[in-house]
Protein backbone atom coordinates (compact mmCIF):
# COMPACT_ATOMS: atom_id res chain seq x y z
CA MET A 1 14.66 26.76 13.66
CA THR A 2 13.16 24.72 16.36
CA LEU A 3 9.28 23.93 16.51
CA THR A 4 7.98 22.71 20.08
CA PHE A 5 5.08 21.06 21.68
CA PRO A 6 6.11 21.85 25.13
CA LEU A 7 6.21 19.83 28.26
CA ALA A 8 3.61 20.81 30.82
CA PRO A 9 5.46 22.88 33.44
CA GLU A 10 4.68 20.03 36.27
CA ALA A 11 5.59 17.07 33.98
CA ALA A 12 8.82 14.89 35.36
CA ILE A 13 11.17 13.50 32.92
CA PRO A 14 9.61 10.47 31.39
CA ASP A 15 11.50 7.08 32.73
CA TRP A 16 10.36 4.86 29.66
CA VAL A 17 9.89 5.64 25.76
CA ASP A 18 7.81 2.86 24.07
CA LEU A 19 8.07 1.71 20.36
CA THR A 20 4.77 0.37 19.19
CA PHE A 21 4.36 -1.07 15.79
CA LEU A 22 0.91 -0.52 14.00
CA GLY A 23 1.54 -1.99 10.61
CA GLY A 24 4.46 -2.19 8.21
CA LEU A 25 6.04 -5.49 9.77
CA GLY A 26 5.32 -8.40 8.38
CA GLU A 27 3.98 -7.02 5.23
CA ILE A 28 4.50 -4.73 2.78
CA GLY A 29 2.45 -1.52 3.02
CA LEU A 30 0.35 -0.31 5.99
CA ASN A 31 3.16 1.34 7.62
CA MET A 32 2.64 3.18 11.12
CA MET A 33 4.38 3.06 14.53
CA THR A 34 4.29 5.27 17.44
CA LEU A 35 6.77 7.03 20.01
CA GLU A 36 5.42 7.27 23.21
CA THR A 37 6.17 7.86 27.10
CA ALA A 38 3.47 8.31 29.91
CA ASP A 39 2.30 12.03 28.72
CA HIS A 40 3.12 12.22 25.16
CA LEU A 41 2.89 9.93 21.62
CA VAL A 42 4.32 10.81 18.35
CA VAL A 43 2.98 8.73 15.42
CA VAL A 44 5.46 8.40 12.85
CA ASP A 45 3.80 7.25 9.17
CA ALA A 46 0.06 6.25 8.47
CA GLY A 47 0.00 4.25 5.20
CA LEU A 48 -2.20 2.09 3.57
CA MET A 49 -1.80 -1.31 1.73
CA PHE A 50 -3.57 -2.55 -1.48
CA PRO A 51 -5.68 -5.47 -1.05
CA GLU A 52 -4.68 -9.16 -1.56
CA ASP A 53 -6.04 -11.17 -4.13
CA GLN A 54 -8.27 -12.98 -1.22
CA MET A 55 -9.96 -9.77 -0.18
CA LEU A 56 -12.67 -9.59 -2.95
CA GLY A 57 -14.40 -6.07 -3.24
CA ILE A 58 -11.98 -4.47 -0.90
CA ASP A 59 -10.19 -1.21 -2.41
CA ILE A 60 -7.60 -0.33 0.43
CA VAL A 61 -6.67 -1.59 3.59
CA ILE A 62 -5.58 0.69 6.53
CA PRO A 63 -4.24 0.32 10.29
CA ASP A 64 -6.59 0.01 13.00
CA PHE A 65 -6.72 3.02 14.94
CA SER A 66 -8.23 1.88 18.30
CA TYR A 67 -4.63 2.23 20.13
CA LEU A 68 -4.39 5.88 19.12
CA ARG A 69 -8.15 6.46 19.78
CA GLU A 70 -7.34 5.12 23.73
CA ARG A 71 -4.53 7.77 23.71
CA ARG A 72 -5.84 10.57 21.99
CA ASP A 73 -5.39 12.90 24.71
CA LYS A 74 -1.43 12.77 24.27
CA LEU A 75 -1.21 12.68 20.67
CA ALA A 76 1.20 15.31 19.73
CA ALA A 77 1.56 14.86 15.77
CA VAL A 78 1.94 12.69 13.07
CA ILE A 79 5.59 12.79 11.12
CA LEU A 80 5.83 11.29 7.87
CA THR A 81 9.09 10.26 6.16
CA HIS A 82 8.08 10.62 2.54
CA GLY A 83 5.00 10.60 0.14
CA HIS A 84 4.19 6.99 -1.07
CA GLU A 85 0.85 5.89 -0.15
CA ASP A 86 2.47 3.20 1.73
CA HIS A 87 3.24 6.05 4.45
CA ILE A 88 0.44 8.72 3.91
CA GLY A 89 -2.32 6.62 2.29
CA ALA A 90 -4.16 6.37 5.85
CA VAL A 91 -3.76 9.81 7.04
CA PRO A 92 -7.14 11.32 5.58
CA PHE A 93 -8.75 8.31 7.71
CA LEU A 94 -6.74 9.16 10.90
CA LEU A 95 -7.73 12.92 10.67
CA LYS A 96 -11.19 12.21 10.33
CA GLU A 97 -10.97 10.47 13.80
CA ILE A 98 -8.56 12.43 15.44
CA PRO A 99 -7.43 15.95 14.20
CA THR A 100 -3.63 16.42 14.94
CA PRO A 101 -0.90 18.20 13.58
CA VAL A 102 0.72 16.34 10.55
CA TYR A 103 4.70 17.44 9.72
CA GLY A 104 6.35 16.11 6.57
CA THR A 105 8.64 18.06 3.60
CA PRO A 106 7.06 20.05 0.72
CA LEU A 107 6.25 17.47 -1.46
CA THR A 108 5.20 14.99 1.02
CA LEU A 109 2.40 17.58 2.36
CA ALA A 110 1.73 18.75 -1.33
CA LEU A 111 0.76 15.00 -2.19
CA LEU A 112 -1.25 14.79 1.25
CA LYS A 113 -3.12 17.91 0.35
CA GLU A 114 -4.45 16.35 -2.69
CA LYS A 115 -5.88 13.35 -0.66
CA LEU A 116 -7.26 15.82 2.22
CA ARG A 117 -8.84 17.89 -0.43
CA GLU A 118 -10.75 14.72 -2.18
CA HIS A 119 -11.88 13.73 1.75
CA GLY A 120 -12.91 17.23 2.26
CA LEU A 121 -10.50 17.65 5.05
CA LEU A 122 -8.19 20.29 3.51
CA ASP A 123 -9.41 23.48 5.22
CA GLU A 124 -9.47 22.10 8.57
CA ALA A 125 -5.91 20.30 8.49
CA ASP A 126 -2.89 21.59 10.36
CA LEU A 127 -0.02 20.69 8.23
CA ARG A 128 3.63 21.55 9.30
CA GLU A 129 6.66 21.78 6.68
CA ILE A 130 9.86 20.41 7.66
CA VAL A 131 13.35 20.21 6.12
CA PRO A 132 16.29 18.11 6.58
CA GLY A 133 18.30 19.56 9.34
CA GLU A 134 15.76 21.03 11.19
CA LEU A 135 15.00 20.36 14.84
CA LEU A 136 11.50 19.87 15.95
CA ALA A 137 10.65 19.28 19.88
CA LEU A 138 7.56 17.14 20.77
CA GLY A 139 6.99 17.25 24.35
CA PRO A 140 10.38 14.95 25.43
CA PHE A 141 10.94 14.19 21.98
CA GLU A 142 13.66 16.28 19.81
CA PHE A 143 13.67 15.18 16.01
CA GLU A 144 16.33 15.93 13.66
CA PHE A 145 15.16 14.84 10.22
CA ILE A 146 18.32 13.62 7.65
CA ARG A 147 17.96 13.47 4.04
CA VAL A 148 17.84 10.15 2.02
CA CYS A 149 17.58 8.90 -1.21
CA HIS A 150 14.37 7.12 -2.35
CA SER A 151 12.23 6.48 -5.35
CA ILE A 152 10.28 9.98 -4.70
CA VAL A 153 12.26 13.00 -3.72
CA ASP A 154 11.89 14.92 -0.14
CA GLY A 155 12.31 11.18 1.44
CA VAL A 156 13.76 11.81 4.93
CA GLY A 157 14.99 9.72 8.01
CA PHE A 158 15.36 11.02 11.71
CA VAL A 159 17.39 10.84 14.86
CA VAL A 160 14.94 11.59 18.06
CA ARG A 161 16.59 12.25 21.25
CA THR A 162 14.40 10.63 23.85
CA PRO A 163 14.88 10.46 27.55
CA GLN A 164 16.28 7.09 27.44
CA GLY A 165 18.62 7.97 24.29
CA LEU A 166 18.85 8.43 20.55
CA ILE A 167 16.73 6.35 18.46
CA VAL A 168 17.12 6.35 14.49
CA HIS A 169 14.92 5.71 12.11
CA SER A 170 16.22 5.06 8.42
CA GLY A 171 13.21 6.04 6.39
CA ASP A 172 12.61 4.32 3.18
CA PHE A 173 16.34 4.66 1.36
CA LYS A 174 18.89 3.50 -0.60
CA ILE A 175 22.30 4.63 -0.68
CA ASP A 176 22.67 6.29 -4.50
CA GLN A 177 26.41 7.64 -5.20
CA THR A 178 24.90 9.18 -8.56
CA PRO A 179 21.77 10.37 -7.43
CA VAL A 180 19.63 12.44 -10.39
CA THR A 181 19.23 15.68 -8.47
CA GLY A 182 23.00 15.41 -7.25
CA THR A 183 21.61 15.41 -3.73
CA ALA A 184 22.93 12.41 -2.13
CA MET A 185 21.78 10.62 1.17
CA ASP A 186 23.25 12.59 4.11
CA LEU A 187 25.46 9.73 5.68
CA ASN A 188 27.36 12.40 7.69
CA ARG A 189 24.60 12.84 9.91
CA PHE A 190 24.07 9.10 10.45
CA ALA A 191 27.43 8.79 11.53
CA HIS A 192 27.71 11.57 13.62
CA TYR A 193 24.84 10.47 15.65
CA GLY A 194 26.83 6.97 15.46
CA GLU A 195 29.67 8.51 17.18
CA ALA A 196 27.42 9.96 20.01
CA GLY A 197 26.03 6.67 20.79
CA VAL A 198 22.73 5.52 19.28
CA LEU A 199 20.10 3.26 21.50
CA ALA A 200 18.11 1.78 18.66
CA LEU A 201 18.28 1.86 14.87
CA MET A 202 15.17 0.82 12.79
CA SER A 203 16.23 0.38 9.37
CA ASP A 204 14.17 -0.46 6.02
CA SER A 205 14.24 -4.21 5.33
CA THR A 206 12.89 -4.32 1.88
CA ASN A 207 15.50 -5.47 0.01
CA ALA A 208 17.55 -7.20 2.82
CA GLU A 209 17.33 -10.34 0.42
CA ARG A 210 19.32 -8.72 -2.40
CA PRO A 211 23.12 -9.12 -2.33
CA GLY A 212 25.13 -6.14 -3.34
CA TYR A 213 24.19 -2.44 -4.12
CA THR A 214 21.01 -1.12 -5.38
CA LEU A 215 21.44 -0.14 -8.96
CA SER A 216 21.52 4.08 -9.44
CA GLU A 217 18.71 5.68 -10.40
CA ARG A 218 21.05 7.45 -13.21
CA GLU A 219 21.76 3.71 -14.86
CA ILE A 220 18.23 3.67 -15.40
CA GLY A 221 18.25 6.79 -17.59
CA ILE A 222 20.94 5.62 -19.52
CA THR A 223 19.06 2.12 -20.47
CA LEU A 224 16.17 4.63 -21.53
CA GLU A 225 18.24 6.92 -23.49
CA GLY A 226 19.64 4.35 -25.62
CA LEU A 227 15.88 2.52 -26.07
CA ILE A 228 14.50 6.21 -27.03
CA ARG A 229 17.55 6.74 -29.20
CA GLU A 230 16.63 3.85 -31.39
CA ALA A 231 12.82 3.89 -31.39
CA GLU A 232 11.90 5.20 -34.82
CA GLY A 233 8.01 5.74 -33.93
CA ARG A 234 6.29 7.29 -31.11
CA VAL A 235 7.32 6.27 -27.23
CA ILE A 236 4.99 5.32 -24.51
CA ILE A 237 6.50 4.97 -21.05
CA ALA A 238 4.65 3.75 -17.87
CA VAL A 239 5.99 4.84 -14.51
CA PHE A 240 4.83 5.44 -11.38
CA ALA A 241 3.67 8.79 -11.30
CA SER A 242 5.48 9.76 -7.90
CA HIS A 243 8.88 8.75 -9.21
CA ILE A 244 9.76 12.19 -10.10
CA HIS A 245 13.55 11.15 -10.43
CA ARG A 246 12.56 9.35 -13.46
CA LEU A 247 10.07 11.89 -14.88
CA GLN A 248 12.88 14.28 -14.65
CA GLN A 249 15.19 11.76 -16.63
CA ILE A 250 12.47 11.21 -19.50
CA VAL A 251 11.94 15.02 -19.85
CA ASN A 252 15.94 15.37 -20.03
CA ILE A 253 15.96 12.75 -22.62
CA ALA A 254 12.88 14.05 -24.66
CA ALA A 255 14.82 17.32 -24.77
CA LYS A 256 17.97 15.87 -26.05
CA PHE A 257 16.05 13.93 -28.78
CA GLY A 258 14.02 16.51 -30.02
CA ARG A 259 11.06 15.05 -28.67
CA GLN A 260 7.86 16.55 -26.77
CA VAL A 261 6.06 15.31 -24.03
CA LEU A 262 2.60 14.16 -22.62
CA PHE A 263 1.80 13.39 -19.21
CA ASN A 264 -1.32 11.28 -19.38
CA GLY A 265 -3.23 9.72 -16.20
CA LYS A 266 -4.97 11.64 -13.31
CA SER A 267 -2.12 11.02 -10.90
CA MET A 268 0.38 11.87 -13.43
CA VAL A 269 -0.71 15.21 -14.05
CA VAL A 270 -1.49 16.22 -10.51
CA ASN A 271 1.93 14.76 -9.35
CA THR A 272 3.79 16.78 -12.28
CA ARG A 273 2.09 19.73 -11.54
CA LEU A 274 3.05 19.60 -7.82
CA ALA A 275 6.73 18.87 -8.81
CA LYS A 276 6.75 21.68 -11.00
CA GLU A 277 5.51 24.15 -8.30
CA LEU A 278 7.68 23.03 -5.95
CA GLY A 279 10.82 23.12 -7.92
CA TYR A 280 11.59 19.78 -8.23
CA LEU A 281 10.55 18.93 -11.86
CA THR A 282 12.03 21.32 -14.46
CA ILE A 283 10.55 21.22 -18.03
CA PRO A 284 12.03 23.32 -20.60
CA ASP A 285 9.33 25.93 -22.71
CA GLY A 286 7.44 24.24 -25.20
CA LEU A 287 8.19 20.84 -24.33
CA GLU A 288 5.42 19.81 -22.47
CA ILE A 289 2.14 19.25 -24.87
CA THR A 290 -1.48 18.41 -24.26
CA VAL A 291 -3.43 15.40 -25.83
CA GLY A 292 -4.93 17.53 -28.54
CA ASP A 293 -1.28 17.76 -29.84
CA LEU A 294 -0.76 14.44 -30.65
CA GLU A 295 -2.64 14.58 -34.08
CA ARG A 296 -0.07 17.25 -35.53
CA LEU A 297 3.13 15.87 -33.93
CA ALA A 298 4.89 13.09 -36.13
CA PRO A 299 5.26 9.98 -34.23
CA ALA A 300 8.73 10.14 -34.10
CA LYS A 301 8.69 13.62 -32.34
CA THR A 302 6.75 12.56 -29.39
CA ILE A 303 6.69 10.76 -25.73
CA ILE A 304 3.99 9.44 -23.65
CA VAL A 305 4.40 9.00 -20.04
CA THR A 306 1.61 7.83 -18.45
CA THR A 307 0.40 5.93 -15.51
CA GLY A 308 -0.51 2.29 -15.67
CA SER A 309 2.78 0.07 -14.87
CA GLN A 310 1.08 -2.27 -12.90
CA GLY A 311 -1.75 -3.24 -14.99
CA GLU A 312 -4.21 -1.43 -13.21
CA PRO A 313 -7.54 -2.06 -14.81
CA LEU A 314 -8.88 1.98 -14.88
CA SER A 315 -5.08 3.32 -15.73
CA ALA A 316 -4.67 5.17 -18.69
CA LEU A 317 -2.00 2.27 -20.05
CA ALA A 318 -4.41 -0.64 -19.58
CA ARG A 319 -7.29 1.54 -21.20
CA ILE A 320 -5.02 2.13 -24.11
CA ALA A 321 -4.07 -1.72 -24.60
CA LEU A 322 -7.92 -2.35 -24.82
CA GLU A 323 -8.61 0.54 -27.20
CA ALA A 324 -10.86 2.06 -24.58
CA HIS A 325 -8.81 5.18 -24.18
CA LYS A 326 -11.03 8.68 -25.53
CA GLN A 327 -7.64 10.06 -27.52
CA ILE A 328 -4.86 7.86 -27.64
CA ARG A 329 -4.49 4.46 -29.70
CA ILE A 330 -1.87 2.36 -30.34
CA GLN A 331 0.08 2.55 -33.62
CA ARG A 332 1.80 0.03 -35.21
CA GLY A 333 5.68 0.68 -34.68
CA ASP A 334 5.10 2.17 -31.17
CA LEU A 335 7.35 1.58 -28.36
CA VAL A 336 6.09 0.92 -25.07
CA ILE A 337 8.17 0.73 -21.98
CA LEU A 338 6.82 -0.37 -18.29
CA SER A 339 9.75 1.34 -16.34
CA SER A 340 9.02 -0.40 -13.19
CA LYS A 341 9.13 -4.02 -11.60
CA PHE A 342 6.39 -6.31 -11.43
CA ILE A 343 5.06 -5.96 -7.87
CA PRO A 344 3.99 -9.42 -6.50
CA GLY A 345 0.44 -10.22 -7.27
CA ASN A 346 0.26 -7.95 -10.11
CA GLU A 347 2.10 -9.90 -12.49
CA ARG A 348 -1.23 -11.42 -14.14
CA ALA A 349 -2.61 -7.93 -14.81
CA ILE A 350 0.64 -6.86 -16.04
CA THR A 351 0.98 -9.55 -18.90
CA THR A 352 -2.56 -9.22 -19.99
CA VAL A 353 -1.74 -5.11 -20.82
CA ILE A 354 1.67 -6.56 -22.37
CA ASN A 355 0.00 -9.01 -24.48
CA ASN A 356 -3.12 -6.68 -25.60
CA LEU A 357 -0.06 -4.11 -26.52
CA TYR A 358 1.60 -6.61 -28.73
CA ARG A 359 -1.60 -7.83 -30.56
CA LEU A 360 -2.14 -3.92 -31.64
CA GLY A 361 1.16 -3.92 -33.05
CA ALA A 362 3.04 -2.26 -30.44
CA GLU A 363 6.80 -3.11 -29.13
CA VAL A 364 7.02 -3.66 -25.34
CA VAL A 365 9.96 -3.30 -22.86
CA TYR A 366 9.76 -4.68 -19.48
CA GLN A 367 11.76 -5.82 -16.65
CA GLU A 368 12.47 -9.26 -18.24
CA VAL A 369 13.90 -7.87 -21.35
CA ALA A 370 15.94 -4.55 -19.94
CA ASP A 371 17.02 -2.79 -16.79
CA ILE A 372 14.38 -0.36 -16.89
CA HIS A 373 13.86 0.20 -13.12
CA ALA A 374 16.00 0.76 -9.79
CA SER A 375 14.49 -0.02 -6.80
CA GLY A 376 14.39 2.80 -4.18
CA HIS A 377 15.57 0.49 -1.17
CA ALA A 378 18.85 -0.33 -0.17
CA SER A 379 20.34 -3.89 -0.46
CA GLN A 380 22.48 -5.93 1.57
CA GLU A 381 25.61 -3.93 1.55
CA GLU A 382 24.14 -0.44 1.87
CA LEU A 383 22.10 -1.97 4.80
CA LYS A 384 25.12 -3.17 6.49
CA LEU A 385 26.81 0.28 5.89
CA LEU A 386 24.14 2.25 7.77
CA LEU A 387 24.74 -0.46 10.51
CA ASN A 388 28.15 0.06 10.82
CA LEU A 389 27.83 3.70 10.51
CA THR A 390 25.53 4.12 13.37
CA ARG A 391 26.63 1.22 15.67
CA PRO A 392 23.27 0.94 17.71
CA ARG A 393 23.06 -0.79 21.09
CA TYR A 394 19.53 -2.36 19.85
CA PHE A 395 18.74 -2.96 16.26
CA ILE A 396 15.03 -3.23 15.06
CA PRO A 397 14.47 -4.28 11.36
CA ILE A 398 11.04 -2.34 9.82
CA HIS A 399 9.47 -1.99 6.76
CA GLY A 400 9.08 -5.63 5.24
CA GLU A 401 7.52 -8.88 5.12
CA MET A 402 8.90 -11.72 7.76
CA ARG A 403 11.06 -13.42 5.30
CA HIS A 404 12.80 -9.45 4.89
CA LEU A 405 13.02 -8.78 8.20
CA ILE A 406 14.73 -11.85 9.49
CA LYS A 407 17.10 -11.48 6.78
CA HIS A 408 18.23 -8.08 7.86
CA THR A 409 18.63 -9.55 11.58
CA ARG A 410 21.10 -11.71 10.01
CA LEU A 411 23.14 -9.30 8.38
CA ALA A 412 22.90 -7.27 11.86
CA ARG A 413 24.78 -10.39 13.36
CA ALA A 414 27.34 -10.50 10.61
CA VAL A 415 28.39 -6.74 11.21
CA GLY A 416 28.45 -7.45 14.73
CA ILE A 417 25.44 -6.43 16.49
CA PRO A 418 25.38 -8.75 19.65
CA GLU A 419 22.24 -11.37 19.66
CA ASP A 420 20.67 -9.71 22.58
CA GLY A 421 20.73 -6.46 20.67
CA ILE A 422 18.41 -7.76 17.87
CA LEU A 423 14.93 -7.29 18.62
CA LEU A 424 12.49 -8.92 15.95
CA ALA A 425 9.29 -7.24 16.20
CA ASN A 426 5.85 -7.65 14.15
CA ASP A 427 2.70 -5.84 13.72
CA ARG A 428 1.33 -5.30 17.31
CA ASP A 429 4.28 -5.40 19.17
CA GLN A 430 5.81 -2.99 21.64
CA ILE A 431 9.18 -2.41 22.69
CA ARG A 432 10.40 -0.33 26.08
CA PHE A 433 13.21 1.33 26.50
CA GLU A 434 14.17 2.28 30.21
CA ALA A 435 16.93 2.13 32.33
CA GLY A 436 17.49 -1.57 32.60
CA GLY A 437 17.42 -1.85 29.05
CA ALA A 438 14.84 -2.78 26.36
CA SER A 439 12.28 -5.22 26.81
CA PHE A 440 8.86 -6.43 24.61
CA GLN A 441 5.50 -5.47 26.52
CA GLU A 442 2.04 -7.08 26.05
CA ARG A 443 1.06 -7.04 22.59
CA VAL A 444 -1.31 -4.07 21.96
CA ASP A 445 -5.07 -4.19 20.32
CA SER A 446 -4.36 -3.40 16.44
CA GLY A 447 -5.09 -4.91 12.89
CA ARG A 448 -6.57 -4.37 9.54
CA VAL A 449 -9.32 -2.07 8.96
CA PHE A 450 -11.16 -2.90 5.40
CA VAL A 451 -12.28 -0.01 3.23
CA ASP A 452 -14.78 -0.65 0.74
CA GLY A 453 -15.98 1.95 -1.22
CA LYS A 454 -17.37 4.75 1.47
CA GLY A 455 -17.60 1.92 3.86
CA VAL A 456 -14.80 1.81 6.69
CA GLY A 457 -14.44 -0.70 8.43
CA ASP A 458 -17.77 -2.17 8.24
CA VAL A 459 -16.59 -5.04 6.08
CA SER A 460 -15.14 -7.69 8.72
CA ARG A 461 -13.34 -10.64 7.82
CA ILE A 462 -16.79 -12.94 8.18
CA VAL A 463 -17.89 -10.90 5.05
CA LEU A 464 -14.71 -11.80 3.18
CA ARG A 465 -14.95 -15.24 4.12
CA ASP A 466 -18.46 -15.23 2.90
CA ARG A 467 -17.49 -13.50 -0.46
CA ARG A 468 -14.70 -15.95 -1.09
CA HIS A 469 -17.32 -18.99 -0.46
CA LEU A 470 -19.55 -17.11 -2.87
CA ALA A 471 -16.94 -16.57 -5.38
CA ALA A 472 -15.52 -20.29 -5.28
CA ASP A 473 -18.55 -22.19 -4.77
CA GLY A 474 -21.87 -20.07 -5.70
CA VAL A 475 -24.91 -19.77 -4.09
CA VAL A 476 -28.22 -21.44 -4.09
CA ILE A 477 -31.46 -19.99 -2.87
CA ALA A 478 -34.17 -22.32 -1.70
CA TYR A 479 -37.68 -20.75 -1.60
CA ALA A 480 -41.18 -21.16 -0.76
CA ALA A 481 -44.33 -19.83 0.61
CA VAL A 482 -46.32 -21.57 3.07
CA ASP A 483 -50.08 -20.98 4.91
CA PRO A 484 -49.07 -22.54 8.60
CA VAL A 485 -52.81 -21.95 9.63
CA ALA A 486 -54.18 -23.63 6.41
CA GLY A 487 -51.01 -26.29 6.71
CA LYS A 488 -50.50 -26.13 2.98
CA ILE A 489 -47.90 -24.82 0.63
CA VAL A 490 -48.65 -21.67 -1.27
CA THR A 491 -45.84 -21.62 -3.37
CA GLU A 492 -43.85 -24.83 -4.78
CA PRO A 493 -40.72 -25.07 -3.29
CA ASP A 494 -37.92 -24.25 -5.69
CA LEU A 495 -33.99 -23.46 -6.05
CA ILE A 496 -32.45 -20.69 -7.80
CA THR A 497 -28.72 -21.15 -8.47
CA ARG A 498 -25.91 -18.38 -9.17
CA GLY A 499 -22.19 -19.48 -9.92
CA PHE A 500 -23.33 -22.89 -9.49
CA THR A 501 -23.98 -24.60 -12.40
CA LEU A 502 -24.29 -28.29 -13.19
CA GLU A 503 -23.81 -30.38 -16.09
CA GLU A 504 -26.59 -31.88 -18.17
CA GLU A 505 -26.41 -35.06 -16.82
CA GLN A 506 -26.12 -33.94 -13.34
CA ALA A 507 -29.62 -31.76 -13.60
CA PRO A 508 -31.44 -34.41 -12.18
CA LEU A 509 -29.40 -33.66 -8.71
CA LEU A 510 -31.67 -30.50 -8.60
CA ASP A 511 -34.65 -32.28 -8.67
CA GLN A 512 -33.39 -34.29 -5.85
CA ALA A 513 -32.55 -31.35 -4.28
CA ARG A 514 -36.19 -29.74 -4.76
CA LYS A 515 -37.75 -32.88 -3.33
CA ILE A 516 -35.53 -32.67 -0.18
CA PHE A 517 -36.48 -28.99 0.75
CA GLN A 518 -40.02 -30.14 -0.10
CA GLU A 519 -39.83 -32.79 2.26
CA ILE A 520 -38.69 -30.74 5.20
CA VAL A 521 -41.43 -28.07 4.35
CA LEU A 522 -44.40 -30.16 4.37
CA ARG A 523 -43.13 -32.14 7.48
CA ALA A 524 -43.25 -29.01 9.44
CA LEU A 525 -46.49 -27.87 8.06
CA ASN A 526 -47.65 -31.61 9.48
CA GLU A 527 -45.89 -30.71 12.82
CA PRO A 528 -47.31 -27.27 13.38
CA THR A 529 -44.06 -25.22 14.46
CA GLU A 530 -43.99 -21.28 15.06
CA ASP A 531 -40.12 -21.37 14.55
CA TRP A 532 -39.61 -21.10 10.90
CA LEU A 533 -36.18 -19.80 11.19
CA GLU A 534 -35.18 -23.06 12.94
CA ILE A 535 -36.76 -24.89 9.77
CA GLN A 536 -34.55 -22.48 7.33
CA THR A 537 -31.57 -24.07 9.42
CA GLN A 538 -32.46 -27.31 8.83
CA VAL A 539 -33.08 -26.87 4.97
CA SER A 540 -29.62 -25.00 5.07
CA LYS A 541 -27.78 -28.15 6.57
CA ALA A 542 -29.69 -30.44 4.47
CA LEU A 543 -28.89 -29.09 1.29
CA ARG A 544 -25.08 -28.28 2.44
CA LYS A 545 -25.00 -32.03 3.13
CA PHE A 546 -26.75 -33.22 0.30
CA PHE A 547 -24.20 -31.10 -2.47
CA PHE A 548 -21.15 -32.04 -0.81
CA LYS A 549 -21.79 -35.63 -0.57
CA LEU A 550 -22.86 -35.89 -4.36
CA LEU A 551 -20.73 -33.08 -5.74
CA GLU A 552 -18.10 -32.37 -3.03
CA ARG A 553 -18.96 -28.57 -3.32
CA ARG A 554 -20.02 -26.40 -0.80
CA PRO A 555 -22.47 -23.59 -2.45
CA MET A 556 -23.85 -20.87 -0.17
CA ILE A 557 -27.38 -22.14 0.93
CA LEU A 558 -29.94 -19.04 1.59
CA PRO A 559 -33.09 -20.57 2.70
CA LEU A 560 -36.26 -18.29 2.22
CA ILE A 561 -39.34 -19.24 3.67
CA LEU A 562 -42.15 -16.86 3.65
CA THR A 563 -45.41 -17.25 5.66
CA LEU A 564 -48.52 -16.08 5.00
């Protein structure tokens, strides 16, 4: 079946094609790029990024859509490669601004629908299903979607036929020769297009530092089976809710050892429901239980599958570890398995959960103890294989931090890609393909948008700087009330401190600071002024200088002078 977004009858064949990277290069997450000619533009993925430590109070980060707003009239579609948050999480925010058709595989769209429902956008959304092997024509572009293996089912890469040649996008992938579903990555199609001649390959760089091959998901099932076989009591497994392959293996193991399974956590319940409805997760009748069934079943007959493998504060596992879960309590002898790797930045939260679980009497297995997680991304030998199968004229590493992208370029050189065929791009870069070859254009207007509660983009980098300032050094509020007409102080100048405490022997410093504040106010009253904002600025500068000179600290100074 071929779906079309036709060219206008008078449209000429485009003589250039641009790839523009709006996120995902130089970071993990925020994946978004565009494929563009003079009259048509297609977005590939629209993902979010979870906040870094210094992004205080920020819930999520999404790409800046400025580039798309300026070209909304030629936006043909959004194509999604798979259903992970770093690829679909920003779609609702994009559709609020620029309604456009969205193409994805069945599970990808099912996960997106849940997000759109939460945002009140589902009824208006134009969602269109694709399957591997299907052709999709969007203006001058013709896409073929190719099945890949990843840590979520229904992932695809694609080949797109453009006026300048074939461009290949690997999607997030690994080459798993023994996949749980029995459906391997379709290397034949990548090789087929390699024989036809590939203009450019964009390939997942996440594991470009890792030698060898990525562990098969089936190997994780063997490890889990061994742990569950030896467990004498209840088993609690924390896993990513999107990892349907892992969930299927746990279900199979539970059936083998006569255990029943409880799925716990909001995203876990939603994802398992969707996967069952689409036929990606098969659970024998009677195997799945509800939380109310735990009391009547012997601990050795149950497995609880839950969210919280990254120590998320509000996740089910974190609440269980704090004895704050309404229905589930840790029992002495429970085996808790964190079936995931520690994502950088989450180590402290995860170890806190682990320590709390041990304190309650559980035994905990995690990445330092056993092979209980397999990455969904290709390691070096798999990356080299895809390069050799496609033999592109140009190679563009995508999806990774700068160190991953650079390591991937070295792999490309190792398999014979010429130096002038390696294009190392970053966010905001634009690469143009035309008759003379490929070239970098001027960088585009793009960046990051912070989402804080219901506010989208209203938190700037200056606000984040102020939040970090407050968190590190605290705040000093200098307040007073004056009557400029009478030339007198109505309320004596005083200071309030928050997050800026002084040792008892340093307390006199506050008295000195008050005195400085009072002297500035009195001087202003004796030399009448109408610009009390300028006086507040003087107070701020004087107190900031005073505290740094004596304490080498920089609290935020907030002067508040009320004139009556």
